Amino acid sequence: MKKLDLRKKADRLRILAHPTRLAILEELSRGAKCVTDIQDLLDVPQSNVSQHLTALRHEQIVDYHEDGKLRCYYITRPKLVEKLLAFLSEEYPVERRSPESVHGEGKSREKACSLR
């Protein structure tokens, strides 16, 4: 994997790793909302909400449509956001692997490498 690819991925995670942006995604996962609605729900200044929405738009996670003078935002990648929020929630199912199952994988790779 190229170093640049990893940097892009890390940058995308950094964009998502902000409490206000996560709160915005949670609100938008319930349905489209205008900036003023988000501002009222999160008790965050309008300029701050707009900055966070711009960052999320840049990553093509949200977009907006105009309703008169209002910009109403919605999630463009609902499955991604749904999985992200599920992963971050306490209800996310944790499946653990045993050391024994991993030990067998290591031996398989070792054999494959020695055959070359």
Protein backbone atom coordinates (compact mmCIF):
# COMPACT_ATOMS: atom_id res chain seq x y z
CA MET A 1 0.00 0.00 0.00
CA LYS A 2 1.37 3.38 -0.93
CA LYS A 3 2.23 5.91 1.73
CA LEU A 4 0.04 8.53 0.03
CA ASP A 5 -2.98 6.23 0.16
CA LEU A 6 -2.49 5.76 3.90
CA ARG A 7 -2.24 9.52 4.41
CA LYS A 8 -5.50 10.08 2.52
CA LYS A 9 -7.20 7.44 4.61
CA ALA A 10 -5.85 8.92 7.83
CA ASP A 11 -7.02 12.39 6.73
CA ARG A 12 -10.51 11.02 6.08
CA LEU A 13 -10.58 9.48 9.56
CA ARG A 14 -9.42 12.78 11.07
CA ILE A 15 -12.32 14.56 9.38
CA LEU A 16 -14.75 12.12 10.98
CA ALA A 17 -13.01 12.17 14.37
CA HIS A 18 -14.60 15.36 15.68
CA PRO A 19 -17.43 15.37 18.24
CA THR A 20 -19.44 18.05 16.44
CA ARG A 21 -19.14 16.31 13.08
CA LEU A 22 -20.23 13.03 14.62
CA ALA A 23 -23.19 14.80 16.24
CA ILE A 24 -24.09 16.32 12.87
CA LEU A 25 -23.97 12.88 11.24
CA GLU A 26 -26.16 11.44 13.98
CA GLU A 27 -28.73 14.19 13.42
CA LEU A 28 -28.63 13.84 9.64
CA SER A 29 -28.98 10.07 9.91
CA ARG A 30 -32.50 10.80 11.22
CA GLY A 31 -33.29 12.86 8.10
CA ALA A 32 -32.32 15.97 6.14
CA LYS A 33 -31.96 19.15 8.17
CA CYS A 34 -31.28 22.78 7.46
CA VAL A 35 -28.28 24.53 9.00
CA THR A 36 -30.49 26.43 11.44
CA ASP A 37 -32.09 23.15 12.61
CA ILE A 38 -28.66 21.61 13.21
CA GLN A 39 -27.53 24.77 14.98
CA ASP A 40 -30.53 24.66 17.32
CA LEU A 41 -30.25 20.92 17.99
CA LEU A 42 -26.53 21.03 18.79
CA ASP A 43 -26.42 24.48 20.37
CA VAL A 44 -23.44 25.40 18.19
CA PRO A 45 -22.94 28.75 16.39
CA GLN A 46 -24.11 28.78 12.77
CA SER A 47 -20.64 29.60 11.43
CA ASN A 48 -19.20 26.60 13.26
CA VAL A 49 -21.91 24.28 11.94
CA SER A 50 -21.22 25.54 8.42
CA GLN A 51 -17.48 24.87 8.77
CA HIS A 52 -18.11 21.30 9.88
CA LEU A 53 -20.62 20.71 7.09
CA THR A 54 -18.08 22.02 4.56
CA ALA A 55 -15.51 19.50 5.81
CA LEU A 56 -18.06 16.68 5.52
CA ARG A 57 -19.06 17.87 2.04
CA HIS A 58 -15.42 17.90 0.96
CA GLU A 59 -15.26 14.19 1.83
CA GLN A 60 -18.55 13.64 -0.07
CA ILE A 61 -20.32 12.35 3.04
CA VAL A 62 -23.01 15.03 3.03
CA ASP A 63 -24.47 17.40 0.47
CA TYR A 64 -27.28 19.94 0.41
CA HIS A 65 -30.23 21.17 -1.56
CA GLU A 66 -31.54 24.69 -1.40
CA ASP A 67 -35.04 25.37 -0.15
CA GLY A 68 -35.54 29.06 -0.77
CA LYS A 69 -32.81 30.76 1.25
CA LEU A 70 -32.17 27.66 3.36
CA ARG A 71 -29.57 24.99 2.74
CA CYS A 72 -30.84 21.62 3.83
CA TYR A 73 -28.18 18.95 4.30
CA TYR A 74 -28.49 15.21 3.87
CA ILE A 75 -26.20 12.21 3.98
CA THR A 76 -24.96 11.10 0.56
CA ARG A 77 -23.46 7.82 1.80
CA PRO A 78 -26.07 6.47 4.21
CA LYS A 79 -24.66 2.94 4.50
CA LEU A 80 -21.21 4.29 5.35
CA VAL A 81 -22.59 6.58 8.04
CA GLU A 82 -24.88 3.85 9.37
CA LYS A 83 -21.94 1.46 9.74
CA LEU A 84 -19.72 4.17 11.23
CA LEU A 85 -22.29 5.12 13.85
CA ALA A 86 -22.97 1.45 14.61
CA PHE A 87 -19.25 0.83 15.03
CA LEU A 88 -18.97 3.76 17.42
CA SER A 89 -22.05 2.83 19.42
CA GLU A 90 -21.94 0.69 22.52
CA GLU A 91 -24.26 -1.85 20.89
CA TYR A 92 -21.71 -2.75 18.23
CA PRO A 93 -21.21 -6.53 18.32
CA VAL A 94 -17.68 -7.48 19.21
CA GLU A 95 -16.43 -10.69 17.68
CA ARG A 96 -13.15 -11.81 19.14
CA ARG A 97 -10.74 -14.33 17.71
CA SER A 98 -8.84 -16.79 19.83
CA PRO A 99 -5.04 -17.00 19.80
CA GLU A 100 -5.41 -20.60 18.61
CA SER A 101 -7.27 -19.58 15.45
CA VAL A 102 -4.65 -16.98 14.62
CA HIS A 103 -1.81 -19.41 15.36
CA GLY A 104 -3.02 -21.68 12.57
CA GLU A 105 -3.04 -18.81 10.09
CA GLY A 106 0.55 -17.97 10.85
CA LYS A 107 1.65 -21.53 10.11
CA SER A 108 -0.25 -21.52 6.80
CA ARG A 109 1.57 -18.40 5.65
CA GLU A 110 4.89 -19.83 6.77
CA LYS A 111 4.34 -22.93 4.63
CA ALA A 112 3.25 -20.87 1.64
CA CYS A 113 6.35 -18.69 1.91
CA SER A 114 8.70 -21.68 2.13
CA LEU A 115 7.24 -23.15 -1.09
CA ARG A 116 8.43 -20.20 -3.19
